[in-house]
PDB file of N, CA and C in Angstrom:
ATOM      1  N   MET A   1      32.310  10.550 -22.580  1.00  0.00           N
ATOM      2  CA  MET A   1      31.679   9.574 -22.100  1.00  0.00           C
ATOM      3  C   MET A   1      31.513   9.114 -20.586  1.00  0.00           C
ATOM      4  N   VAL A   2      30.525   8.155 -20.383  1.00  0.00           N
ATOM      5  CA  VAL A   2      30.535   8.141 -18.611  1.00  0.00           C
ATOM      6  C   VAL A   2      31.648   7.378 -17.960  1.00  0.00           C
ATOM      7  N   ILE A   3      31.996   6.640 -18.943  1.00  0.00           N
ATOM      8  CA  ILE A   3      32.958   5.782 -17.987  1.00  0.00           C
ATOM      9  C   ILE A   3      34.320   6.775 -17.751  1.00  0.00           C
ATOM     10  N   ASP A   4      34.769   7.948 -18.915  1.00  0.00           N
ATOM     11  CA  ASP A   4      35.461   9.065 -18.661  1.00  0.00           C
ATOM     12  C   ASP A   4      34.986   9.970 -17.333  1.00  0.00           C
ATOM     13  N   LEU A   5      33.488   9.886 -17.356  1.00  0.00           N
ATOM     14  CA  LEU A   5      33.324  10.796 -16.180  1.00  0.00           C
ATOM     15  C   LEU A   5      33.482  10.273 -14.673  1.00  0.00           C
ATOM     16  N   VAL A   6      33.137   8.795 -14.952  1.00  0.00           N
ATOM     17  CA  VAL A   6      33.334   8.152 -13.442  1.00  0.00           C
ATOM     18  C   VAL A   6      34.653   8.030 -13.129  1.00  0.00           C
ATOM     19  N   HIS A   7      35.468   7.772 -14.035  1.00  0.00           N
ATOM     20  CA  HIS A   7      36.900   7.962 -13.747  1.00  0.00           C
ATOM     21  C   HIS A   7      37.587   9.247 -13.074  1.00  0.00           C
ATOM     22  N   ARG A   8      37.296  10.253 -14.032  1.00  0.00           N
ATOM     23  CA  ARG A   8      38.092  11.495 -13.374  1.00  0.00           C
ATOM     24  C   ARG A   8      37.217  11.822 -12.525  1.00  0.00           C
ATOM     25  N   HIS A   9      35.929  11.398 -11.983  1.00  0.00           N
ATOM     26  CA  HIS A   9      35.326  11.826 -10.192  1.00  0.00           C
ATOM     27  C   HIS A   9      35.488  10.816  -9.275  1.00  0.00           C
ATOM     28  N   GLN A  10      36.512   9.919  -9.587  1.00  0.00           N
ATOM     29  CA  GLN A  10      37.089   8.629  -8.834  1.00  0.00           C
ATOM     30  C   GLN A  10      35.813   8.032  -8.286  1.00  0.00           C
ATOM     31  N   MET A  11      34.803   7.968  -8.963  1.00  0.00           N
ATOM     32  CA  MET A  11      33.181   7.444  -8.350  1.00  0.00           C
ATOM     33  C   MET A  11      33.279   5.894  -9.014  1.00  0.00           C
ATOM     34  N   GLU A  12      34.170   5.096  -9.180  1.00  0.00           N
ATOM     35  CA  GLU A  12      34.125   3.760  -9.596  1.00  0.00           C
ATOM     36  C   GLU A  12      33.194   2.917  -8.551  1.00  0.00           C
ATOM     37  N   ARG A  13      33.719   2.919  -7.244  1.00  0.00           N
ATOM     38  CA  ARG A  13      32.858   2.322  -6.222  1.00  0.00           C
ATOM     39  C   ARG A  13      31.786   2.831  -6.054  1.00  0.00           C
ATOM     40  N   ARG A  14      31.085   4.029  -6.434  1.00  0.00           N
ATOM     41  CA  ARG A  14      29.797   4.566  -5.784  1.00  0.00           C
ATOM     42  C   ARG A  14      28.740   4.594  -7.107  1.00  0.00           C
ATOM     43  N   VAL A  15      29.087   3.813  -8.381  1.00  0.00           N
ATOM     44  CA  VAL A  15      28.135   4.005  -9.488  1.00  0.00           C
ATOM     45  C   VAL A  15      27.965   3.062  -9.839  1.00  0.00           C
ATOM     46  N   VAL A  16      26.517   2.701 -10.101  1.00  0.00           N
ATOM     47  CA  VAL A  16      26.204   1.372 -11.202  1.00  0.00           C
ATOM     48  C   VAL A  16      25.871   1.820 -12.528  1.00  0.00           C
ATOM     49  N   VAL A  17      26.414   1.583 -13.673  1.00  0.00           N
ATOM     50  CA  VAL A  17      25.864   1.638 -14.566  1.00  0.00           C
ATOM     51  C   VAL A  17      24.630   0.735 -15.259  1.00  0.00           C
ATOM     52  N   ILE A  18      23.719   1.323 -15.635  1.00  0.00           N
ATOM     53  CA  ILE A  18      22.514   0.298 -15.912  1.00  0.00           C
ATOM     54  C   ILE A  18      22.108   0.562 -17.503  1.00  0.00           C
ATOM     55  N   SER A  19      21.174  -0.397 -17.946  1.00  0.00           N
ATOM     56  CA  SER A  19      20.763  -0.446 -19.288  1.00  0.00           C
ATOM     57  C   SER A  19      19.927  -1.854 -19.592  1.00  0.00           C
ATOM     58  N   PHE A  20      18.776  -1.473 -20.375  1.00  0.00           N
ATOM     59  CA  PHE A  20      18.423  -2.423 -20.963  1.00  0.00           C
ATOM     60  C   PHE A  20      18.929  -3.367 -22.091  1.00  0.00           C
ATOM     61  N   ASN A  21      20.156  -2.532 -22.490  1.00  0.00           N
ATOM     62  CA  ASN A  21      21.028  -2.797 -23.809  1.00  0.00           C
ATOM     63  C   ASN A  21      21.976  -3.791 -23.213  1.00  0.00           C
ATOM     64  N   LEU A  22      22.134  -4.833 -23.099  1.00  0.00           N
ATOM     65  CA  LEU A  22      23.062  -5.520 -22.715  1.00  0.00           C
ATOM     66  C   LEU A  22      24.345  -5.660 -23.442  1.00  0.00           C
ATOM     67  N   ARG A  23      24.406  -5.098 -24.695  1.00  0.00           N
ATOM     68  CA  ARG A  23      25.773  -4.873 -25.254  1.00  0.00           C
ATOM     69  C   ARG A  23      26.305  -3.675 -24.823  1.00  0.00           C
ATOM     70  N   THR A  24      25.465  -3.090 -24.068  1.00  0.00           N
ATOM     71  CA  THR A  24      26.358  -1.678 -23.473  1.00  0.00           C
ATOM     72  C   THR A  24      26.956  -2.232 -22.151  1.00  0.00           C
ATOM     73  N   VAL A  25      25.967  -2.726 -21.386  1.00  0.00           N
ATOM     74  CA  VAL A  25      26.732  -3.393 -20.124  1.00  0.00           C
ATOM     75  C   VAL A  25      27.670  -4.026 -20.211  1.00  0.00           C
ATOM     76  N   ALA A  26      27.912  -4.732 -21.498  1.00  0.00           N
ATOM     77  CA  ALA A  26      29.248  -5.557 -21.746  1.00  0.00           C
ATOM     78  C   ALA A  26      30.142  -4.879 -22.180  1.00  0.00           C
ATOM     79  N   LYS A  27      29.924  -3.527 -22.996  1.00  0.00           N
ATOM     80  CA  LYS A  27      31.090  -2.497 -23.110  1.00  0.00           C
ATOM     81  C   LYS A  27      31.557  -2.112 -21.981  1.00  0.00           C
ATOM     82  N   ILE A  28      30.699  -1.575 -21.115  1.00  0.00           N
ATOM     83  CA  ILE A  28      31.209  -0.786 -19.789  1.00  0.00           C
ATOM     84  C   ILE A  28      32.054  -2.061 -19.185  1.00  0.00           C
ATOM     85  N   LYS A  29      31.707  -3.146 -19.010  1.00  0.00           N
ATOM     86  CA  LYS A  29      32.785  -3.957 -18.283  1.00  0.00           C
ATOM     87  C   LYS A  29      33.760  -4.530 -19.203  1.00  0.00           C
ATOM     88  N   GLU A  30      33.902  -4.111 -19.933  1.00  0.00           N
ATOM     89  CA  GLU A  30      34.941  -4.198 -20.916  1.00  0.00           C
ATOM     90  C   GLU A  30      35.806  -3.324 -20.531  1.00  0.00           C
ATOM     91  N   LEU A  31      35.424  -1.937 -20.983  1.00  0.00           N
ATOM     92  CA  LEU A  31      36.442  -0.776 -20.490  1.00  0.00           C
ATOM     93  C   LEU A  31      36.937  -0.570 -19.592  1.00  0.00           C
ATOM     94  N   ASN A  32      35.911  -1.029 -18.599  1.00  0.00           N
ATOM     95  CA  ASN A  32      36.427  -0.795 -17.077  1.00  0.00           C
ATOM     96  C   ASN A  32      35.933  -1.626 -16.003  1.00  0.00           C
ATOM     97  N   PRO A  33      36.465  -3.098 -15.983  1.00  0.00           N
ATOM     98  CA  PRO A  33      35.797  -3.839 -15.035  1.00  0.00           C
ATOM     99  C   PRO A  33      35.771  -3.499 -13.955  1.00  0.00           C
ATOM    100  N   SER A  34      36.214  -2.073 -13.152  1.00  0.00           N
ATOM    101  CA  SER A  34      36.024  -2.067 -11.945  1.00  0.00           C
ATOM    102  C   SER A  34      34.400  -1.161 -11.996  1.00  0.00           C
ATOM    103  N   ILE A  35      34.078  -0.858 -12.872  1.00  0.00           N
ATOM    104  CA  ILE A  35      32.700  -0.296 -12.615  1.00  0.00           C
ATOM    105  C   ILE A  35      31.325  -1.298 -12.612  1.00  0.00           C
ATOM    106  N   ARG A  36      30.588  -1.141 -11.568  1.00  0.00           N
ATOM    107  CA  ARG A  36      29.562  -1.768 -11.543  1.00  0.00           C
ATOM    108  C   ARG A  36      28.506  -1.783 -12.550  1.00  0.00           C
ATOM    109  N   ALA A  37      28.094  -3.028 -13.195  1.00  0.00           N
ATOM    110  CA  ALA A  37      27.026  -2.739 -14.428  1.00  0.00           C
ATOM    111  C   ALA A  37      25.781  -3.559 -13.858  1.00  0.00           C
ATOM    112  N   GLY A  38      24.515  -3.114 -14.078  1.00  0.00           N
ATOM    113  CA  GLY A  38      23.099  -3.645 -14.038  1.00  0.00           C
ATOM    114  C   GLY A  38      22.509  -3.722 -15.366  1.00  0.00           C
ATOM    115  N   ALA A  39      21.649  -4.863 -15.193  1.00  0.00           N
ATOM    116  CA  ALA A  39      21.110  -5.000 -16.698  1.00  0.00           C
ATOM    117  C   ALA A  39      19.469  -5.010 -16.205  1.00  0.00           C
ATOM    118  N   LEU A  40      18.737  -4.060 -17.179  1.00  0.00           N
ATOM    119  CA  LEU A  40      17.482  -4.112 -16.505  1.00  0.00           C
ATOM    120  C   LEU A  40      16.466  -4.478 -17.026  1.00  0.00           C
ATOM    121  N   PHE A  41      15.509  -5.499 -16.621  1.00  0.00           N
ATOM    122  CA  PHE A  41      14.596  -6.373 -17.044  1.00  0.00           C
ATOM    123  C   PHE A  41      13.361  -5.830 -16.610  1.00  0.00           C
ATOM    124  N   GLY A  42      12.065  -5.673 -17.577  1.00  0.00           N
ATOM    125  CA  GLY A  42      10.851  -5.300 -17.455  1.00  0.00           C
ATOM    126  C   GLY A  42       9.935  -6.196 -17.860  1.00  0.00           C
ATOM    127  N   PRO A  43       8.740  -5.791 -17.797  1.00  0.00           N
ATOM    128  CA  PRO A  43       7.332  -7.060 -18.146  1.00  0.00           C
ATOM    129  C   PRO A  43       7.489  -7.402 -19.527  1.00  0.00           C
ATOM    130  N   ARG A  44       8.106  -6.676 -20.571  1.00  0.00           N
ATOM    131  CA  ARG A  44       8.215  -6.794 -21.903  1.00  0.00           C
ATOM    132  C   ARG A  44       9.384  -8.051 -21.643  1.00  0.00           C
ATOM    133  N   GLN A  45      10.369  -7.794 -21.447  1.00  0.00           N
ATOM    134  CA  GLN A  45      11.626  -8.906 -21.291  1.00  0.00           C
ATOM    135  C   GLN A  45      11.001  -9.978 -20.688  1.00  0.00           C
ATOM    136  N   ARG A  46      10.214 -10.227 -19.437  1.00  0.00           N
ATOM    137  CA  ARG A  46      10.028 -11.435 -18.825  1.00  0.00           C
ATOM    138  C   ARG A  46       8.962 -11.853 -19.660  1.00  0.00           C
ATOM    139  N   ALA A  47       8.214 -11.149 -20.619  1.00  0.00           N
ATOM    140  CA  ALA A  47       7.010 -12.207 -21.439  1.00  0.00           C
ATOM    141  C   ALA A  47       7.701 -12.794 -22.733  1.00  0.00           C
ATOM    142  N   MET A  48       9.132 -12.449 -23.026  1.00  0.00           N
ATOM    143  CA  MET A  48       9.685 -13.198 -23.716  1.00  0.00           C
ATOM    144  C   MET A  48      10.887 -14.338 -23.361  1.00  0.00           C
ATOM    145  N   LYS A  49      11.081 -13.931 -22.107  1.00  0.00           N
ATOM    146  CA  LYS A  49      12.337 -15.218 -21.221  1.00  0.00           C
ATOM    147  C   LYS A  49      11.829 -15.808 -20.038  1.00  0.00           C
ATOM    148  N   SER A  50      12.370 -16.819 -19.902  1.00  0.00           N
ATOM    149  CA  SER A  50      12.557 -17.236 -18.804  1.00  0.00           C
ATOM    150  C   SER A  50      13.151 -16.833 -17.597  1.00  0.00           C
ATOM    151  N   THR A  51      13.062 -17.314 -16.443  1.00  0.00           N
ATOM    152  CA  THR A  51      14.010 -16.820 -15.493  1.00  0.00           C
ATOM    153  C   THR A  51      15.346 -17.495 -15.570  1.00  0.00           C
ATOM    154  N   ARG A  52      15.423 -18.416 -16.150  1.00  0.00           N
ATOM    155  CA  ARG A  52      17.016 -19.090 -16.483  1.00  0.00           C
ATOM    156  C   ARG A  52      17.312 -18.359 -17.804  1.00  0.00           C
ATOM    157  N   GLN A  53      16.240 -17.655 -18.906  1.00  0.00           N
ATOM    158  CA  GLN A  53      17.351 -16.986 -19.565  1.00  0.00           C
ATOM    159  C   GLN A  53      17.609 -15.620 -19.057  1.00  0.00           C
ATOM    160  N   ILE A  54      16.755 -14.948 -18.434  1.00  0.00           N
ATOM    161  CA  ILE A  54      17.015 -13.729 -17.841  1.00  0.00           C
ATOM    162  C   ILE A  54      18.319 -13.540 -17.177  1.00  0.00           C
ATOM    163  N   ILE A  55      18.432 -14.456 -16.382  1.00  0.00           N
ATOM    164  CA  ILE A  55      19.719 -14.677 -15.414  1.00  0.00           C
ATOM    165  C   ILE A  55      20.987 -15.150 -16.523  1.00  0.00           C
ATOM    166  N   ALA A  56      20.958 -16.013 -17.522  1.00  0.00           N
ATOM    167  CA  ALA A  56      22.160 -16.216 -18.428  1.00  0.00           C
ATOM    168  C   ALA A  56      21.972 -15.116 -19.205  1.00  0.00           C
ATOM    169  N   THR A  57      21.271 -14.405 -19.603  1.00  0.00           N
ATOM    170  CA  THR A  57      21.466 -13.295 -20.602  1.00  0.00           C
ATOM    171  C   THR A  57      22.289 -12.324 -19.606  1.00  0.00           C
ATOM    172  N   ALA A  58      21.924 -11.654 -18.331  1.00  0.00           N
ATOM    173  CA  ALA A  58      22.570 -10.726 -17.467  1.00  0.00           C
ATOM    174  C   ALA A  58      24.175 -11.113 -17.472  1.00  0.00           C
ATOM    175  N   ILE A  59      24.131 -12.422 -16.968  1.00  0.00           N
ATOM    176  CA  ILE A  59      25.460 -13.006 -16.715  1.00  0.00           C
ATOM    177  C   ILE A  59      26.352 -12.840 -17.901  1.00  0.00           C
ATOM    178  N   ALA A  60      25.875 -13.024 -19.179  1.00  0.00           N
ATOM    179  CA  ALA A  60      26.416 -12.979 -20.465  1.00  0.00           C
ATOM    180  C   ALA A  60      26.824 -11.670 -20.655  1.00  0.00           C
ATOM    181  N   GLY A  61      25.919 -10.642 -20.225  1.00  0.00           N
ATOM    182  CA  GLY A  61      26.399  -9.509 -20.710  1.00  0.00           C
ATOM    183  C   GLY A  61      27.527  -8.837 -19.388  1.00  0.00           C
ATOM    184  N   GLY A  62      27.805  -9.616 -18.691  1.00  0.00           N
ATOM    185  CA  GLY A  62      28.760  -9.136 -17.396  1.00  0.00           C
ATOM    186  C   GLY A  62      27.986  -8.227 -16.392  1.00  0.00           C
ATOM    187  N   ALA A  63      26.828  -8.353 -16.312  1.00  0.00           N
ATOM    188  CA  ALA A  63      26.397  -7.710 -15.332  1.00  0.00           C
ATOM    189  C   ALA A  63      26.645  -8.022 -13.861  1.00  0.00           C
ATOM    190  N   ASP A  64      26.735  -7.038 -12.974  1.00  0.00           N
ATOM    191  CA  ASP A  64      27.236  -7.359 -11.334  1.00  0.00           C
ATOM    192  C   ASP A  64      25.586  -7.229 -11.080  1.00  0.00           C
ATOM    193  N   GLU A  65      24.886  -6.706 -11.258  1.00  0.00           N
ATOM    194  CA  GLU A  65      23.456  -6.586 -10.642  1.00  0.00           C
ATOM    195  C   GLU A  65      22.227  -6.792 -11.728  1.00  0.00           C
ATOM    196  N   ILE A  66      21.174  -7.282 -11.413  1.00  0.00           N
ATOM    197  CA  ILE A  66      20.171  -7.707 -12.270  1.00  0.00           C
ATOM    198  C   ILE A  66      18.614  -6.432 -11.575  1.00  0.00           C
ATOM    199  N   LEU A  67      18.345  -5.807 -12.348  1.00  0.00           N
ATOM    200  CA  LEU A  67      17.426  -4.754 -11.532  1.00  0.00           C
ATOM    201  C   LEU A  67      15.983  -5.007 -12.407  1.00  0.00           C
ATOM    202  N   LEU A  68      15.401  -5.765 -11.734  1.00  0.00           N
ATOM    203  CA  LEU A  68      13.733  -5.969 -12.093  1.00  0.00           C
ATOM    204  C   LEU A  68      12.779  -4.871 -12.011  1.00  0.00           C
ATOM    205  N   HIS A  69      11.854  -5.100 -12.837  1.00  0.00           N
ATOM    206  CA  HIS A  69      10.517  -4.047 -12.639  1.00  0.00           C
ATOM    207  C   HIS A  69       9.815  -4.779 -11.419  1.00  0.00           C
ATOM    208  N   HIS A  70       9.342  -4.035 -10.706  1.00  0.00           N
ATOM    209  CA  HIS A  70       8.599  -4.693  -9.353  1.00  0.00           C
ATOM    210  C   HIS A  70       7.332  -5.477  -9.804  1.00  0.00           C
ATOM    211  N   ARG A  71       6.862  -5.686 -11.065  1.00  0.00           N
ATOM    212  CA  ARG A  71       5.648  -6.481 -11.399  1.00  0.00           C
ATOM    213  C   ARG A  71       6.552  -8.020 -11.607  1.00  0.00           C
ATOM    214  N   ILE A  72       7.359  -7.749 -12.040  1.00  0.00           N
ATOM    215  CA  ILE A  72       8.266  -9.161 -12.315  1.00  0.00           C
ATOM    216  C   ILE A  72       8.984  -9.705 -11.166  1.00  0.00           C
ATOM    217  N   ALA A  73       9.367  -9.083  -9.847  1.00  0.00           N
ATOM    218  CA  ALA A  73      10.406  -9.427  -9.373  1.00  0.00           C
ATOM    219  C   ALA A  73       9.764 -10.476  -8.263  1.00  0.00           C
ATOM    220  N   THR A  74      10.267 -11.962  -8.286  1.00  0.00           N
ATOM    221  CA  THR A  74       9.536 -12.751  -7.483  1.00  0.00           C
ATOM    222  C   THR A  74      10.663 -13.487  -6.779  1.00  0.00           C
ATOM    223  N   LYS A  75      10.211 -14.320  -5.906  1.00  0.00           N
ATOM    224  CA  LYS A  75      11.338 -14.737  -5.061  1.00  0.00           C
ATOM    225  C   LYS A  75      11.908 -16.020  -6.010  1.00  0.00           C
ATOM    226  N   ARG A  76      11.254 -16.415  -6.925  1.00  0.00           N
ATOM    227  CA  ARG A  76      12.178 -17.347  -8.013  1.00  0.00           C
ATOM    228  C   ARG A  76      13.443 -16.813  -8.802  1.00  0.00           C
ATOM    229  N   ILE A  77      13.235 -15.654  -9.042  1.00  0.00           N
ATOM    230  CA  ILE A  77      14.020 -14.741 -10.141  1.00  0.00           C
ATOM    231  C   ILE A  77      15.123 -14.412  -9.047  1.00  0.00           C
ATOM    232  N   VAL A  78      14.906 -13.780  -7.976  1.00  0.00           N
ATOM    233  CA  VAL A  78      15.714 -12.995  -7.239  1.00  0.00           C
ATOM    234  C   VAL A  78      16.682 -14.189  -6.448  1.00  0.00           C
ATOM    235  N   ALA A  79      15.963 -15.445  -6.179  1.00  0.00           N
ATOM    236  CA  ALA A  79      16.967 -16.568  -5.565  1.00  0.00           C
ATOM    237  C   ALA A  79      17.823 -17.076  -6.873  1.00  0.00           C
ATOM    238  N   ALA A  80      17.166 -17.058  -8.107  1.00  0.00           N
ATOM    239  CA  ALA A  80      17.972 -17.685  -9.057  1.00  0.00           C
ATOM    240  C   ALA A  80      19.129 -16.572  -9.196  1.00  0.00           C
ATOM    241  N   ALA A  81      18.989 -15.371  -9.284  1.00  0.00           N
ATOM    242  CA  ALA A  81      20.078 -14.302  -9.140  1.00  0.00           C
ATOM    243  C   ALA A  81      21.173 -14.583  -8.450  1.00  0.00           C
ATOM    244  N   GLN A  82      20.518 -14.464  -7.102  1.00  0.00           N
ATOM    245  CA  GLN A  82      21.494 -14.813  -6.022  1.00  0.00           C
ATOM    246  C   GLN A  82      22.183 -15.952  -5.937  1.00  0.00           C
ATOM    247  N   GLU A  83      21.882 -17.251  -6.688  1.00  0.00           N
ATOM    248  CA  GLU A  83      22.544 -18.198  -6.664  1.00  0.00           C
ATOM    249  C   GLU A  83      24.075 -18.014  -7.558  1.00  0.00           C
ATOM    250  N   GLN A  84      23.591 -17.087  -8.638  1.00  0.00           N
ATOM    251  CA  GLN A  84      24.507 -16.791  -9.802  1.00  0.00           C
ATOM    252  C   GLN A  84      25.315 -15.408  -9.066  1.00  0.00           C
ATOM    253  N   ARG A  85      25.366 -14.953  -7.677  1.00  0.00           N
ATOM    254  CA  ARG A  85      26.072 -13.736  -7.175  1.00  0.00           C
ATOM    255  C   ARG A  85      25.817 -12.797  -7.997  1.00  0.00           C
ATOM    256  N   LEU A  86      24.484 -12.451  -8.149  1.00  0.00           N
ATOM    257  CA  LEU A  86      23.858 -10.857  -8.890  1.00  0.00           C
ATOM    258  C   LEU A  86      23.239 -10.481  -7.963  1.00  0.00           C
ATOM    259  N   ALA A  87      23.338  -9.425  -7.722  1.00  0.00           N
ATOM    260  CA  ALA A  87      22.853  -8.344  -6.608  1.00  0.00           C
ATOM    261  C   ALA A  87      21.548  -8.003  -7.306  1.00  0.00           C
ATOM    262  N   SER A  88      20.215  -8.042  -6.518  1.00  0.00           N
ATOM    263  CA  SER A  88      18.711  -8.048  -7.169  1.00  0.00           C
ATOM    264  C   SER A  88      18.609  -6.893  -6.775  1.00  0.00           C
ATOM    265  N   VAL A  89      17.983  -5.531  -7.737  1.00  0.00           N
ATOM    266  CA  VAL A  89      17.391  -4.230  -7.253  1.00  0.00           C
ATOM    267  C   VAL A  89      16.126  -4.210  -7.973  1.00  0.00           C
ATOM    268  N   VAL A  90      15.346  -3.593  -7.457  1.00  0.00           N
ATOM    269  CA  VAL A  90      13.779  -3.602  -7.901  1.00  0.00           C
ATOM    270  C   VAL A  90      13.203  -2.052  -8.159  1.00  0.00           C
ATOM    271  N   TRP A  91      12.731  -2.121  -9.366  1.00  0.00           N
ATOM    272  CA  TRP A  91      12.321  -0.503  -9.387  1.00  0.00           C
ATOM    273  C   TRP A  91      10.917  -0.835 -10.138  1.00  0.00           C
ATOM    274  N   THR A  92      10.182   0.336 -10.513  1.00  0.00           N
ATOM    275  CA  THR A  92      10.208   1.534  -9.631  1.00  0.00           C
ATOM    276  C   THR A  92       8.967   1.309  -8.440  1.00  0.00           C
ATOM    277  N   VAL A  93       9.518   1.249  -7.160  1.00  0.00           N
ATOM    278  CA  VAL A  93       8.565   0.861  -6.074  1.00  0.00           C
ATOM    279  C   VAL A  93       8.242   2.176  -5.346  1.00  0.00           C
ATOM    280  N   ASP A  94       6.745   2.329  -5.877  1.00  0.00           N
ATOM    281  CA  ASP A  94       6.323   3.363  -5.459  1.00  0.00           C
ATOM    282  C   ASP A  94       4.945   3.291  -4.433  1.00  0.00           C
ATOM    283  N   ASP A  95       4.781   2.431  -3.909  1.00  0.00           N
ATOM    284  CA  ASP A  95       3.543   1.862  -3.277  1.00  0.00           C
ATOM    285  C   ASP A  95       4.639   1.414  -1.418  1.00  0.00           C
ATOM    286  N   PRO A  96       4.407   2.190  -0.737  1.00  0.00           N
ATOM    287  CA  PRO A  96       4.874   1.600   0.665  1.00  0.00           C
ATOM    288  C   PRO A  96       4.648   0.116   1.130  1.00  0.00           C
ATOM    289  N   ARG A  97       3.508  -0.307   0.652  1.00  0.00           N
ATOM    290  CA  ARG A  97       2.927  -1.683   1.184  1.00  0.00           C
ATOM    291  C   ARG A  97       3.839  -2.603   0.248  1.00  0.00           C
ATOM    292  N   TRP A  98       4.741  -2.199  -0.935  1.00  0.00           N
ATOM    293  CA  TRP A  98       5.532  -3.225  -1.622  1.00  0.00           C
ATOM    294  C   TRP A  98       6.954  -3.241  -0.828  1.00  0.00           C
ATOM    295  N   LEU A  99       6.942  -2.456   0.175  1.00  0.00           N
ATOM    296  CA  LEU A  99       8.213  -2.615   0.877  1.00  0.00           C
ATOM    297  C   LEU A  99       8.592  -3.721   1.948  1.00  0.00           C
ATOM    298  N   ALA A 100       7.059  -4.211   2.033  1.00  0.00           N
ATOM    299  CA  ALA A 100       7.056  -5.746   3.169  1.00  0.00           C
ATOM    300  C   ALA A 100       7.298  -6.693   2.157  1.00  0.00           C
ATOM    301  N   ARG A 101       7.159  -6.800   0.884  1.00  0.00           N
ATOM    302  CA  ARG A 101       7.372  -7.889  -0.093  1.00  0.00           C
ATOM    303  C   ARG A 101       9.175  -7.630  -0.469  1.00  0.00           C
ATOM    304  N   ALA A 102       9.210  -6.253  -0.614  1.00  0.00           N
ATOM    305  CA  ALA A 102      10.715  -6.081  -0.889  1.00  0.00           C
ATOM    306  C   ALA A 102      11.601  -6.785   0.379  1.00  0.00           C
ATOM    307  N   ARG A 103      11.460  -6.895   1.519  1.00  0.00           N
ATOM    308  CA  ARG A 103      12.074  -7.146   2.797  1.00  0.00           C
ATOM    309  C   ARG A 103      12.104  -8.857   2.603  1.00  0.00           C
ATOM    310  N   GLY A 104      11.024  -9.449   2.210  1.00  0.00           N
ATOM    311  CA  GLY A 104      11.224 -10.996   2.100  1.00  0.00           C
ATOM    312  C   GLY A 104      11.573 -11.480   0.674  1.00  0.00           C
ATOM    313  N   LEU A 105      11.999 -10.847  -0.121  1.00  0.00           N
ATOM    314  CA  LEU A 105      12.783 -11.069  -1.395  1.00  0.00           C
ATOM    315  C   LEU A 105      14.267 -10.859  -1.168  1.00  0.00           C
ATOM    316  N   GLN A 106      14.817 -10.179   0.033  1.00  0.00           N
ATOM    317  CA  GLN A 106      16.035 -10.050   0.299  1.00  0.00           C
ATOM    318  C   GLN A 106      17.025  -9.530  -1.118  1.00  0.00           C
ATOM    319  N   ILE A 107      16.432  -8.227  -1.440  1.00  0.00           N
ATOM    320  CA  ILE A 107      16.812  -7.693  -2.663  1.00  0.00           C
ATOM    321  C   ILE A 107      18.122  -6.518  -2.081  1.00  0.00           C
ATOM    322  N   ARG A 108      18.871  -6.291  -2.814  1.00  0.00           N
ATOM    323  CA  ARG A 108      20.095  -5.192  -2.499  1.00  0.00           C
ATOM    324  C   ARG A 108      19.152  -3.899  -2.266  1.00  0.00           C
ATOM    325  N   ALA A 109      18.422  -3.492  -3.089  1.00  0.00           N
ATOM    326  CA  ALA A 109      17.867  -2.072  -3.110  1.00  0.00           C
ATOM    327  C   ALA A 109      16.540  -1.944  -4.132  1.00  0.00           C
ATOM    328  N   ILE A 110      15.814  -0.737  -3.732  1.00  0.00           N
ATOM    329  CA  ILE A 110      14.914  -0.378  -4.801  1.00  0.00           C
ATOM    330  C   ILE A 110      14.921   0.789  -5.405  1.00  0.00           C
ATOM    331  N   ILE A 111      14.627   1.002  -6.247  1.00  0.00           N
ATOM    332  CA  ILE A 111      14.653   2.292  -7.269  1.00  0.00           C
ATOM    333  C   ILE A 111      13.003   2.728  -6.766  1.00  0.00           C
ATOM    334  N   THR A 112      12.937   4.243  -6.590  1.00  0.00           N
ATOM    335  CA  THR A 112      11.410   4.824  -6.479  1.00  0.00           C
ATOM    336  C   THR A 112      11.617   6.350  -7.004  1.00  0.00           C
ATOM    337  N   ASN A 113      10.340   6.493  -7.241  1.00  0.00           N
ATOM    338  CA  ASN A 113      10.025   8.035  -7.708  1.00  0.00           C
ATOM    339  C   ASN A 113       9.315   8.960  -6.589  1.00  0.00           C
ATOM    340  N   HIS A 114       9.430   8.074  -5.331  1.00  0.00           N
ATOM    341  CA  HIS A 114       8.927   8.893  -3.992  1.00  0.00           C
ATOM    342  C   HIS A 114       9.990   8.721  -2.729  1.00  0.00           C
ATOM    343  N   PRO A 115      11.085   8.733  -2.610  1.00  0.00           N
ATOM    344  CA  PRO A 115      11.907   8.410  -1.510  1.00  0.00           C
ATOM    345  C   PRO A 115      11.555   8.651  -0.166  1.00  0.00           C
ATOM    346  N   ALA A 116      10.937  10.245  -0.027  1.00  0.00           N
ATOM    347  CA  ALA A 116      10.322  10.527   1.424  1.00  0.00           C
ATOM    348  C   ALA A 116       9.065   9.630   1.671  1.00  0.00           C
ATOM    349  N   LYS A 117       8.190   9.784   0.714  1.00  0.00           N
ATOM    350  CA  LYS A 117       6.869   8.973   1.014  1.00  0.00           C
ATOM    351  C   LYS A 117       7.227   7.140   1.251  1.00  0.00           C
ATOM    352  N   MET A 118       8.488   6.673   0.703  1.00  0.00           N
ATOM    353  CA  MET A 118       8.952   5.292   0.900  1.00  0.00           C
ATOM    354  C   MET A 118       9.514   5.350   2.306  1.00  0.00           C
ATOM    355  N   LEU A 119      10.080   6.184   2.753  1.00  0.00           N
ATOM    356  CA  LEU A 119      11.021   6.171   4.222  1.00  0.00           C
ATOM    357  C   LEU A 119       9.930   6.397   5.192  1.00  0.00           C
ATOM    358  N   ALA A 120       8.978   6.945   4.947  1.00  0.00           N
ATOM    359  CA  ALA A 120       7.754   7.514   6.011  1.00  0.00           C
ATOM    360  C   ALA A 120       7.267   5.925   6.435  1.00  0.00           C
TER     361      ALA A 120
END
């Protein structure tokens, strides 16, 4: 199990377990609260839920972070997450022009398929 591997390699402070399945996020936190967990949300989930529902769902699942697809990452949802002490991460940012927007959003991190391109 993932939790066993994280513990065996003493990586509790270095990993974040993420999932679209919020029951999985909750189970991770139940089994080992020291492991950070993140709730993933994409355009499909956004179409079905309001900002308030997304934040409430992440919190109810015990998430420490909210991971938003770049198409749904707005100032409003990031600010709402910050108000609830949820770190915001945006995925999959593969266009360097998006970095300026990311800086304005005050997010914790981005996830990209092209790290060298994004660093340049």
